[in-house]
Amino acid sequence: MTSSSVARVSQLRGPLQHNSPSRRLRLPLALLLLCALAPAALAQKLAPRIPPPDSRYKADILVIVAHPDDETLITGYLAHAIYDEHKRVAVAFCTWGRSGGNLVGEEQGLALAAVREIEARRALAYMGIHNVWYLGGRDHPGNDVLDSLERWGEGAVLERAVRIIRLTRPEVVMTMAPDNDWGENHPDHHASGVIATEAFDLAGNPTAFAEQVAPPRNRLGYANLTEGLQPWQAEKLYYFSNANSHRYMDKYGPTFQVTGICRAKGLTYAQIAAHEAAFHATQQGTGDIAAASLRTGNYTFWNVPVQFVLAKTLVPAPPTARVFAGVVPGPLPYSPPPGYRTAADPTLDRAIQLGNPWRFYRQLWAAHGLPQMPHLYEPEETTGAGAILTVPLVLRNLSARAARMRIQPVLPPGWRAVTAPELYPVAAGQFYPLRFLVAVPKSAAAGWHQLRWRAVGGGADGAKVRTARLHVYVNR
């Protein structure tokens, strides 16, 4: 190596081998400065954490019913769920029950609504249920579910029900069956089932009541119109009923026996149900019976098993399995209902059929994917001896041209058609709704009677179903 090469190598190595005090300090000082500044830089980039849904309102079961005291139909089971299975329960009432009687005072109207709200809150607090909501409907003592829904303002009540499902995030929703059956023909009860069924299928849909699931502009500020909830798909929908007989429920849902002892309370589940019902002191048929049971120790009235129909399940579970069989904690993906399809509606092949509410129920079941509901039992109604029975019917012209049709009733002996025979003009492929009045004789025997109506005339194709049937129970 030449002397010039050695000199060049020495020049190159020099800065690397030269450890002056200033160079020894320069690198550590830079590292210290970077470490000191790093947390501040990271803190500036980290946005505030979005809080999770409010756990105070999480429910395993959400009960949606029409009036304060309707929950008493299933409090025996709810006691088991709360005390034995440690489930969280919330309740939503569609109305305040302002139109009923008052066994303990003069309060009526809005004053009665205020009383019944507190009665229900105290009753449910006895069960350890504190999350209770009212959906704002006005109760209606009529005889048609569509009248109740109209009087409530269906859209507004449905919006509130969807909000409560999204707030409480239940795995199981329980409600009253949307159908007429023997002894259970209160339209408000059925309307609560309609609302709950619709809300069950809408709460998981992010485009339904979208303002509920849109994030707020500033959750710490004022005037936020969007609500910051999350879509929620519940897993199971159960129906229950106040019918005189639950014979049809046996193979379609679970049954809970209320005569067993609840260890946490030292009472039977029937006794717990009576204690809860006694808070509804204004209510005839509930509070008075419960008070008498507590006074006498006779709980026969409350010993009736709690029976359910599994209307819908999104998890694998046999219909008669226990309520929480197959339930998976946490959110499920949204499962849209099938929706109503005219092509799949067998009632469109009928020249005559029962009108609303029965026609509406069948359309509702089809729209929400409840195929077992039409098979529970034949359409039923209840009446009294000597009463005038109003039966809604619908004629359909199945032909390709306009027709005149008439109705031929087939009634039990002594029953009389009040509606005069008429020809009904029905356009091709169209419907003609009407109400048929029947006089029930005062001598009518208590029990079941079958009424039929035949469609006669043009458009009533003999190859199609041309008879409507209704089973009527006469009370005496």
Protein backbone atom coordinates (compact mmCIF):
# COMPACT_ATOMS: atom_id res chain seq x y z
CA MET A 1 0.00 0.00 0.00
CA THR A 2 1.39 3.38 -0.90
CA SER A 3 1.78 6.18 1.58
CA SER A 4 -0.99 8.11 -0.13
CA SER A 5 -3.40 5.17 0.25
CA VAL A 6 -2.58 4.85 3.95
CA ALA A 7 -3.29 8.49 4.37
CA ARG A 8 -6.67 8.19 2.66
CA VAL A 9 -7.66 5.21 4.85
CA SER A 10 -6.62 7.11 7.95
CA GLN A 11 -8.78 10.03 6.87
CA LEU A 12 -11.79 7.76 6.36
CA ARG A 13 -11.37 5.94 9.68
CA GLY A 14 -10.61 9.02 11.60
CA PRO A 15 -14.16 10.27 12.18
CA LEU A 16 -15.30 6.79 13.20
CA GLN A 17 -12.45 6.13 15.57
CA HIS A 18 -12.35 9.60 16.99
CA ASN A 19 -14.27 9.67 20.32
CA SER A 20 -14.23 13.23 21.41
CA PRO A 21 -16.36 14.25 24.47
CA SER A 22 -18.75 16.24 22.30
CA ARG A 23 -19.50 13.27 20.03
CA ARG A 24 -19.94 10.90 23.00
CA LEU A 25 -22.72 13.16 24.39
CA ARG A 26 -24.47 14.13 21.15
CA LEU A 27 -26.23 10.76 20.47
CA PRO A 28 -27.51 10.07 24.04
CA LEU A 29 -28.89 13.60 24.29
CA ALA A 30 -30.82 13.12 21.05
CA LEU A 31 -32.27 9.84 22.29
CA LEU A 32 -33.27 11.39 25.60
CA LEU A 33 -35.00 14.24 23.82
CA LEU A 34 -36.86 11.84 21.52
CA CYS A 35 -38.03 9.71 24.45
CA ALA A 36 -39.22 12.76 26.29
CA LEU A 37 -41.23 14.04 23.33
CA ALA A 38 -42.68 10.67 22.21
CA PRO A 39 -45.51 10.34 24.82
CA ALA A 40 -46.70 13.86 24.12
CA ALA A 41 -46.70 13.20 20.39
CA LEU A 42 -48.63 9.96 20.85
CA ALA A 43 -51.13 11.58 23.25
CA GLN A 44 -51.94 14.22 20.70
CA LYS A 45 -52.77 11.56 18.07
CA LEU A 46 -54.90 9.28 20.32
CA ALA A 47 -58.59 10.19 19.94
CA PRO A 48 -61.00 9.81 22.88
CA ARG A 49 -62.30 6.29 23.42
CA ILE A 50 -65.91 5.72 22.35
CA PRO A 51 -67.71 4.30 25.40
CA PRO A 52 -69.44 0.92 25.05
CA PRO A 53 -73.24 0.59 25.36
CA ASP A 54 -74.51 1.43 28.84
CA SER A 55 -74.35 -1.83 30.81
CA ARG A 56 -76.92 -0.61 33.34
CA TYR A 57 -79.70 -1.30 30.86
CA LYS A 58 -78.53 -4.61 29.40
CA ALA A 59 -81.30 -7.22 29.64
CA ASP A 60 -81.40 -10.93 28.92
CA ILE A 61 -85.20 -10.82 28.57
CA LEU A 62 -87.31 -7.89 27.37
CA VAL A 63 -91.05 -8.25 27.98
CA ILE A 64 -93.32 -6.13 25.76
CA VAL A 65 -97.00 -6.06 26.78
CA ALA A 66 -100.02 -3.83 26.36
CA HIS A 67 -101.06 -2.68 29.84
CA PRO A 68 -99.68 -2.46 33.37
CA ASP A 69 -100.56 -5.87 34.93
CA ASP A 70 -100.25 -7.87 31.68
CA GLU A 71 -96.82 -8.99 32.84
CA THR A 72 -98.54 -10.94 35.64
CA LEU A 73 -99.34 -13.67 33.10
CA ILE A 74 -95.70 -14.77 33.17
CA THR A 75 -94.29 -13.51 36.49
CA GLY A 76 -94.03 -17.09 37.74
CA TYR A 77 -91.53 -17.83 34.98
CA LEU A 78 -89.81 -14.45 35.34
CA ALA A 79 -89.20 -15.21 39.03
CA HIS A 80 -87.42 -18.41 38.00
CA ALA A 81 -85.36 -16.56 35.38
CA ILE A 82 -84.35 -13.82 37.84
CA TYR A 83 -83.73 -15.77 41.05
CA ASP A 84 -82.59 -19.16 39.74
CA GLU A 85 -80.93 -18.34 36.43
CA HIS A 86 -79.77 -14.81 37.39
CA LYS A 87 -81.19 -13.28 34.22
CA ARG A 88 -81.73 -9.55 33.81
CA VAL A 89 -85.29 -8.59 32.87
CA ALA A 90 -86.70 -5.33 31.50
CA VAL A 91 -90.34 -4.50 30.71
CA ALA A 92 -91.98 -2.16 28.20
CA PHE A 93 -95.69 -1.31 28.43
CA CYS A 94 -97.32 -0.10 25.22
CA THR A 95 -99.95 1.90 27.17
CA TRP A 96 -100.58 3.27 30.67
CA GLY A 97 -103.92 1.48 31.04
CA ARG A 98 -105.81 4.73 31.51
CA SER A 99 -109.16 3.42 30.20
CA GLY A 100 -109.81 0.73 32.81
CA GLY A 101 -111.74 0.73 36.06
CA ASN A 102 -110.40 1.65 39.47
CA LEU A 103 -111.14 -0.58 42.47
CA VAL A 104 -109.59 1.72 45.07
CA GLY A 105 -110.31 5.34 44.12
CA GLU A 106 -112.01 7.89 41.90
CA GLU A 107 -108.96 8.52 39.72
CA GLN A 108 -109.64 8.07 36.02
CA GLY A 109 -108.13 9.13 32.70
CA LEU A 110 -104.64 10.60 32.99
CA ALA A 111 -104.80 10.44 36.78
CA LEU A 112 -105.43 6.69 36.58
CA ALA A 113 -102.54 6.39 34.12
CA ALA A 114 -100.26 8.05 36.68
CA VAL A 115 -101.47 5.67 39.40
CA ARG A 116 -101.03 2.58 37.27
CA GLU A 117 -97.55 3.58 36.21
CA ILE A 118 -96.43 3.63 39.84
CA GLU A 119 -98.32 0.41 40.63
CA ALA A 120 -96.46 -1.36 37.86
CA ARG A 121 -93.08 0.06 38.84
CA ARG A 122 -93.58 -1.06 42.45
CA ALA A 123 -94.81 -4.50 41.35
CA LEU A 124 -91.79 -5.06 39.14
CA ALA A 125 -89.40 -3.65 41.73
CA TYR A 126 -90.65 -6.39 44.08
CA MET A 127 -89.28 -8.81 41.47
CA GLY A 128 -86.01 -6.91 41.19
CA ILE A 129 -86.99 -5.41 37.82
CA HIS A 130 -86.16 -1.71 37.72
CA ASN A 131 -85.78 -0.97 34.00
CA VAL A 132 -89.37 -0.23 32.98
CA TRP A 133 -90.55 1.87 30.04
CA TYR A 134 -93.86 3.14 28.66
CA LEU A 135 -94.20 3.40 24.89
CA GLY A 136 -96.95 6.02 24.84
CA GLY A 137 -99.93 4.24 23.27
CA ARG A 138 -103.48 4.99 24.41
CA ASP A 139 -105.34 1.84 25.38
CA HIS A 140 -108.46 1.01 23.44
CA PRO A 141 -111.32 -1.25 24.61
CA GLY A 142 -112.41 -2.25 21.09
CA ASN A 143 -112.49 -5.54 19.24
CA ASP A 144 -110.04 -5.13 16.35
CA VAL A 145 -106.25 -5.08 16.53
CA LEU A 146 -106.10 -2.57 13.67
CA ASP A 147 -108.25 -0.15 15.69
CA SER A 148 -105.78 -0.44 18.57
CA LEU A 149 -102.77 0.14 16.35
CA GLU A 150 -104.43 3.19 14.79
CA ARG A 151 -105.37 4.61 18.18
CA TRP A 152 -101.86 4.07 19.53
CA GLY A 153 -100.12 5.62 16.55
CA GLU A 154 -98.41 2.43 15.43
CA GLY A 155 -95.37 4.12 13.89
CA ALA A 156 -94.53 6.13 17.00
CA VAL A 157 -94.96 3.17 19.37
CA LEU A 158 -92.94 0.93 17.05
CA GLU A 159 -90.11 3.47 16.93
CA ARG A 160 -90.00 3.53 20.74
CA ALA A 161 -90.06 -0.28 20.94
CA VAL A 162 -87.11 -0.52 18.53
CA ARG A 163 -85.26 2.05 20.62
CA ILE A 164 -85.80 0.01 23.81
CA ILE A 165 -84.58 -3.20 22.14
CA ARG A 166 -81.45 -1.41 20.97
CA LEU A 167 -80.93 0.09 24.43
CA THR A 168 -81.52 -3.14 26.41
CA ARG A 169 -79.97 -5.56 23.86
CA PRO A 170 -81.97 -8.64 24.93
CA GLU A 171 -81.32 -12.15 23.71
CA VAL A 172 -84.99 -13.04 24.29
CA VAL A 173 -88.12 -10.97 23.63
CA MET A 174 -91.43 -12.09 25.18
CA THR A 175 -94.81 -10.69 24.17
CA MET A 176 -98.52 -11.46 23.83
CA ALA A 177 -99.57 -13.58 20.87
CA PRO A 178 -100.90 -11.54 17.92
CA ASP A 179 -103.96 -13.69 17.27
CA ASN A 180 -107.54 -14.17 18.45
CA ASP A 181 -108.15 -17.26 20.53
CA TRP A 182 -110.69 -18.47 23.05
CA GLY A 183 -110.97 -15.92 25.83
CA GLU A 184 -108.12 -13.77 24.54
CA ASN A 185 -109.73 -11.28 22.21
CA HIS A 186 -108.48 -7.98 23.63
CA PRO A 187 -107.10 -6.05 20.64
CA ASP A 188 -104.54 -4.16 22.73
CA HIS A 189 -102.98 -7.47 23.78
CA HIS A 190 -102.67 -8.53 20.17
CA ALA A 191 -101.37 -5.09 19.17
CA SER A 192 -98.52 -5.40 21.67
CA GLY A 193 -97.58 -8.68 19.98
CA VAL A 194 -97.66 -6.97 16.58
CA ILE A 195 -95.38 -4.18 17.83
CA ALA A 196 -92.95 -6.60 19.49
CA THR A 197 -92.79 -8.83 16.40
CA GLU A 198 -92.09 -5.89 14.11
CA ALA A 199 -89.54 -4.42 16.52
CA PHE A 200 -87.76 -7.79 16.88
CA ASP A 201 -87.13 -7.77 13.13
CA LEU A 202 -86.36 -4.04 12.78
CA ALA A 203 -83.96 -3.44 15.69
CA GLY A 204 -81.09 -5.17 13.89
CA ASN A 205 -81.65 -3.28 10.65
CA PRO A 206 -79.33 -0.23 10.54
CA THR A 207 -81.60 1.51 8.01
CA ALA A 208 -84.68 1.29 10.28
CA PHE A 209 -85.06 4.45 12.39
CA ALA A 210 -81.53 5.32 11.29
CA GLU A 211 -81.35 8.38 13.56
CA GLN A 212 -81.23 5.96 16.51
CA VAL A 213 -78.02 4.31 15.32
CA ALA A 214 -76.29 7.38 13.88
CA PRO A 215 -73.46 8.66 16.13
CA PRO A 216 -74.10 11.91 17.99
CA ARG A 217 -72.34 15.06 16.83
CA ASN A 218 -70.83 15.54 20.29
CA ARG A 219 -71.96 13.29 23.12
CA LEU A 220 -70.62 15.73 25.71
CA GLY A 221 -72.44 18.68 24.18
CA TYR A 222 -76.06 19.74 23.80
CA ALA A 223 -78.75 19.33 21.13
CA ASN A 224 -77.69 15.94 19.78
CA LEU A 225 -80.56 14.69 17.64
CA THR A 226 -78.91 11.44 16.59
CA GLU A 227 -78.83 8.86 19.36
CA GLY A 228 -75.66 6.75 19.20
CA LEU A 229 -77.31 3.35 19.75
CA GLN A 230 -76.18 0.20 17.98
CA PRO A 231 -78.37 -2.13 15.86
CA TRP A 232 -79.34 -5.21 17.85
CA GLN A 233 -80.60 -8.56 16.60
CA ALA A 234 -82.36 -10.51 19.35
CA GLU A 235 -82.21 -14.30 19.13
CA LYS A 236 -85.59 -15.65 20.27
CA LEU A 237 -89.17 -14.36 20.18
CA TYR A 238 -91.74 -16.01 22.48
CA TYR A 239 -95.51 -15.53 22.58
CA PHE A 240 -97.81 -16.07 25.56
CA SER A 241 -101.56 -15.63 25.92
CA ASN A 242 -104.40 -14.96 28.34
CA ALA A 243 -106.56 -17.54 26.57
CA ASN A 244 -108.96 -19.79 28.45
CA SER A 245 -107.08 -22.81 27.13
CA HIS A 246 -103.45 -23.26 26.16
CA ARG A 247 -103.97 -26.71 24.67
CA TYR A 248 -102.51 -25.65 21.35
CA MET A 249 -99.20 -24.51 22.87
CA ASP A 250 -97.99 -27.88 24.14
CA LYS A 251 -95.80 -28.84 21.18
CA TYR A 252 -94.89 -25.32 20.06
CA GLY A 253 -93.07 -24.01 23.11
CA PRO A 254 -91.83 -24.64 26.66
CA THR A 255 -94.02 -24.91 29.75
CA PHE A 256 -92.93 -23.75 33.20
CA GLN A 257 -94.57 -25.24 36.30
CA VAL A 258 -95.09 -22.56 38.95
CA THR A 259 -95.77 -24.89 41.89
CA GLY A 260 -92.07 -25.42 42.64
CA ILE A 261 -90.26 -23.60 45.42
CA CYS A 262 -88.01 -20.63 44.68
CA ARG A 263 -85.18 -21.02 47.21
CA ALA A 264 -84.19 -17.35 47.10
CA LYS A 265 -87.68 -16.28 48.21
CA GLY A 266 -88.83 -19.33 50.16
CA LEU A 267 -92.11 -19.21 48.22
CA THR A 268 -93.60 -21.05 45.29
CA TYR A 269 -93.37 -19.25 41.97
CA ALA A 270 -97.17 -18.98 42.06
CA GLN A 271 -96.98 -17.19 45.41
CA ILE A 272 -94.37 -14.79 44.05
CA ALA A 273 -96.70 -14.08 41.13
CA ALA A 274 -99.54 -13.30 43.55
CA HIS A 275 -97.36 -10.95 45.62
CA GLU A 276 -96.30 -9.12 42.45
CA ALA A 277 -99.89 -8.86 41.17
CA ALA A 278 -101.15 -7.47 44.48
CA PHE A 279 -99.38 -4.17 43.75
CA HIS A 280 -101.88 -3.64 40.90
CA ALA A 281 -104.56 -2.68 43.42
CA THR A 282 -106.70 -0.70 40.95
CA GLN A 283 -107.03 -3.65 38.56
CA GLN A 284 -110.10 -5.86 38.72
CA GLY A 285 -109.25 -9.45 37.94
CA THR A 286 -105.64 -8.99 39.02
CA GLY A 287 -105.05 -6.91 42.14
CA ASP A 288 -108.25 -7.98 43.89
CA ILE A 289 -107.66 -11.69 43.23
CA ALA A 290 -104.05 -11.40 44.37
CA ALA A 291 -105.05 -9.60 47.56
CA ALA A 292 -107.60 -12.33 48.31
CA SER A 293 -104.96 -15.03 47.73
CA LEU A 294 -102.53 -13.36 50.12
CA ARG A 295 -105.27 -12.95 52.71
CA THR A 296 -106.59 -16.53 52.54
CA GLY A 297 -103.50 -18.45 51.52
CA ASN A 298 -105.35 -19.97 48.56
CA TYR A 299 -103.16 -19.70 45.44
CA THR A 300 -105.20 -21.92 43.14
CA PHE A 301 -105.74 -19.07 40.68
CA TRP A 302 -101.97 -18.58 40.32
CA ASN A 303 -101.00 -22.25 40.01
CA VAL A 304 -101.58 -22.30 36.23
CA PRO A 305 -98.39 -23.25 34.31
CA VAL A 306 -96.77 -20.55 32.22
CA GLN A 307 -96.81 -21.65 28.57
CA PHE A 308 -95.05 -20.13 25.60
CA VAL A 309 -95.03 -20.47 21.83
CA LEU A 310 -91.58 -20.17 20.26
CA ALA A 311 -92.53 -17.81 17.46
CA LYS A 312 -89.05 -17.29 16.06
CA THR A 313 -85.51 -18.42 16.82
CA LEU A 314 -82.28 -17.48 15.09
CA VAL A 315 -80.25 -20.07 17.00
CA PRO A 316 -80.64 -23.88 16.89
CA ALA A 317 -83.17 -24.90 19.53
CA PRO A 318 -86.20 -27.25 19.60
CA PRO A 319 -89.50 -25.42 20.19
CA THR A 320 -90.17 -27.03 23.60
CA ALA A 321 -86.61 -26.62 24.93
CA ARG A 322 -86.02 -24.25 27.83
CA VAL A 323 -86.11 -20.57 27.00
CA PHE A 324 -82.35 -19.98 26.91
CA ALA A 325 -81.45 -23.22 25.14
CA GLY A 326 -79.06 -22.44 22.28
CA VAL A 327 -78.78 -18.75 23.16
CA VAL A 328 -75.38 -17.25 22.37
CA PRO A 329 -74.42 -14.16 24.42
CA GLY A 330 -73.56 -11.13 22.38
CA PRO A 331 -74.78 -9.60 19.13
CA LEU A 332 -75.87 -11.65 16.13
CA PRO A 333 -75.68 -10.54 12.50
CA TYR A 334 -78.87 -8.91 11.27
CA SER A 335 -81.35 -11.50 10.02
CA PRO A 336 -83.96 -9.84 7.76
CA PRO A 337 -87.48 -11.31 7.75
CA PRO A 338 -88.80 -12.76 4.49
CA GLY A 339 -91.42 -10.03 3.98
CA TYR A 340 -94.91 -10.51 2.62
CA ARG A 341 -95.06 -12.13 -0.81
CA THR A 342 -98.37 -12.32 -2.66
CA ALA A 343 -97.10 -15.25 -4.74
CA ALA A 344 -96.76 -17.34 -1.58
CA ASP A 345 -100.10 -16.34 -0.02
CA PRO A 346 -102.55 -19.29 -0.18
CA THR A 347 -105.43 -17.08 0.93
CA LEU A 348 -105.36 -15.42 -2.50
CA ASP A 349 -106.80 -18.65 -3.92
CA ARG A 350 -109.92 -18.31 -1.78
CA ALA A 351 -113.17 -16.91 -3.06
CA ILE A 352 -114.17 -16.08 0.52
CA GLN A 353 -112.16 -15.75 3.71
CA LEU A 354 -112.35 -14.19 7.13
CA GLY A 355 -111.44 -10.52 7.02
CA ASN A 356 -109.45 -8.45 9.47
CA PRO A 357 -108.15 -9.12 12.03
CA TRP A 358 -107.67 -12.76 10.94
CA ARG A 359 -106.52 -11.81 7.45
CA PHE A 360 -104.10 -9.27 8.88
CA TYR A 361 -102.60 -11.80 11.30
CA ARG A 362 -101.89 -14.25 8.49
CA GLN A 363 -100.21 -11.57 6.43
CA LEU A 364 -98.18 -10.52 9.49
CA TRP A 365 -97.02 -14.09 10.17
CA ALA A 366 -95.98 -14.56 6.55
CA ALA A 367 -94.10 -11.24 6.48
CA HIS A 368 -92.12 -12.08 9.62
CA GLY A 369 -91.39 -15.74 8.87
CA LEU A 370 -93.63 -17.41 11.48
CA PRO A 371 -94.82 -20.50 9.56
CA GLN A 372 -96.08 -22.40 12.60
CA MET A 373 -98.61 -19.75 13.63
CA PRO A 374 -101.39 -20.61 11.11
CA HIS A 375 -101.34 -24.22 12.35
CA LEU A 376 -101.91 -23.59 16.05
CA TYR A 377 -105.71 -23.71 15.84
CA GLU A 378 -108.69 -22.75 13.72
CA PRO A 379 -109.81 -19.08 13.83
CA GLU A 380 -111.77 -18.50 17.05
CA GLU A 381 -114.07 -15.90 18.57
CA THR A 382 -116.00 -15.53 21.82
CA THR A 383 -119.54 -14.20 22.23
CA GLY A 384 -122.49 -14.38 24.61
CA ALA A 385 -125.94 -15.88 24.33
CA GLY A 386 -128.37 -13.32 22.88
CA ALA A 387 -125.56 -11.19 21.42
CA ILE A 388 -125.08 -9.87 17.90
CA LEU A 389 -121.86 -11.31 16.50
CA THR A 390 -120.03 -9.26 13.86
CA VAL A 391 -117.87 -11.32 11.51
CA PRO A 392 -115.63 -9.58 8.92
CA LEU A 393 -115.52 -11.37 5.57
CA VAL A 394 -113.68 -10.76 2.31
CA LEU A 395 -114.89 -11.86 -1.13
CA ARG A 396 -112.44 -12.24 -3.99
CA ASN A 397 -113.29 -12.50 -7.65
CA LEU A 398 -111.03 -15.25 -8.98
CA SER A 399 -112.18 -14.84 -12.55
CA ALA A 400 -110.85 -12.60 -15.31
CA ARG A 401 -113.98 -10.46 -15.54
CA ALA A 402 -116.26 -8.52 -13.19
CA ALA A 403 -118.70 -10.64 -11.21
CA ARG A 404 -121.60 -10.42 -8.81
CA MET A 405 -121.20 -12.66 -5.80
CA ARG A 406 -123.40 -13.52 -2.86
CA ILE A 407 -122.84 -15.16 0.50
CA GLN A 408 -124.63 -18.24 1.72
CA PRO A 409 -124.26 -18.69 5.52
CA VAL A 410 -124.36 -22.11 7.20
CA LEU A 411 -125.27 -21.41 10.83
CA PRO A 412 -126.06 -23.57 13.87
CA PRO A 413 -129.76 -24.22 14.60
CA GLY A 414 -131.47 -21.13 15.98
CA TRP A 415 -128.72 -18.75 14.85
CA ARG A 416 -129.94 -16.09 12.43
CA ALA A 417 -128.25 -13.97 9.78
CA VAL A 418 -128.98 -10.30 10.43
CA THR A 419 -127.21 -9.16 7.26
CA ALA A 420 -129.70 -9.18 4.38
CA PRO A 421 -128.86 -11.25 1.26
CA GLU A 422 -127.15 -9.06 -1.31
CA LEU A 423 -125.23 -9.30 -4.55
CA TYR A 424 -121.73 -7.92 -4.17
CA PRO A 425 -120.09 -6.45 -7.30
CA VAL A 426 -116.45 -7.50 -7.35
CA ALA A 427 -114.04 -6.41 -10.09
CA ALA A 428 -111.84 -9.03 -11.72
CA GLY A 429 -109.11 -10.18 -9.35
CA GLN A 430 -110.22 -7.71 -6.66
CA PHE A 431 -111.49 -7.95 -3.08
CA TYR A 432 -114.77 -6.87 -1.49
CA PRO A 433 -114.64 -6.51 2.34
CA LEU A 434 -117.85 -6.60 4.38
CA ARG A 435 -119.19 -7.27 7.85
CA PHE A 436 -121.68 -10.07 8.37
CA LEU A 437 -123.96 -9.84 11.42
CA VAL A 438 -125.28 -12.95 13.17
CA ALA A 439 -127.85 -13.04 15.98
CA VAL A 440 -126.91 -15.56 18.67
CA PRO A 441 -130.05 -17.04 20.26
CA LYS A 442 -130.56 -16.59 23.99
CA SER A 443 -130.95 -20.33 24.20
CA ALA A 444 -127.55 -21.03 22.62
CA ALA A 445 -125.72 -23.71 24.54
CA ALA A 446 -122.48 -22.79 26.25
CA GLY A 447 -119.49 -24.13 24.38
CA TRP A 448 -118.22 -24.36 20.82
CA HIS A 449 -120.22 -23.73 17.65
CA GLN A 450 -119.02 -23.69 14.05
CA LEU A 451 -120.14 -21.04 11.57
CA ARG A 452 -119.49 -21.24 7.82
CA TRP A 453 -120.02 -18.96 4.84
CA ARG A 454 -119.96 -20.03 1.19
CA ALA A 455 -119.23 -17.77 -1.77
CA VAL A 456 -121.80 -18.28 -4.54
CA GLY A 457 -121.99 -16.81 -8.04
CA GLY A 458 -119.59 -15.56 -10.71
CA GLY A 459 -115.98 -15.51 -9.68
CA ALA A 460 -116.39 -18.19 -7.02
CA ASP A 461 -114.47 -20.83 -8.94
CA GLY A 462 -115.58 -24.24 -7.67
CA ALA A 463 -112.02 -25.56 -7.96
CA LYS A 464 -110.87 -23.07 -5.33
CA VAL A 465 -111.54 -22.82 -1.62
CA ARG A 466 -114.96 -21.23 -1.31
CA THR A 467 -115.85 -21.63 2.38
CA ALA A 468 -114.82 -19.54 5.38
CA ARG A 469 -115.05 -21.08 8.86
CA LEU A 470 -115.11 -19.59 12.34
CA HIS A 471 -115.26 -21.44 15.67
CA VAL A 472 -117.29 -19.44 18.17
CA TYR A 473 -117.36 -20.06 21.90
CA VAL A 474 -120.58 -19.01 23.68
CA ASN A 475 -120.22 -17.85 27.28
CA ARG A 476 -123.17 -18.12 29.62
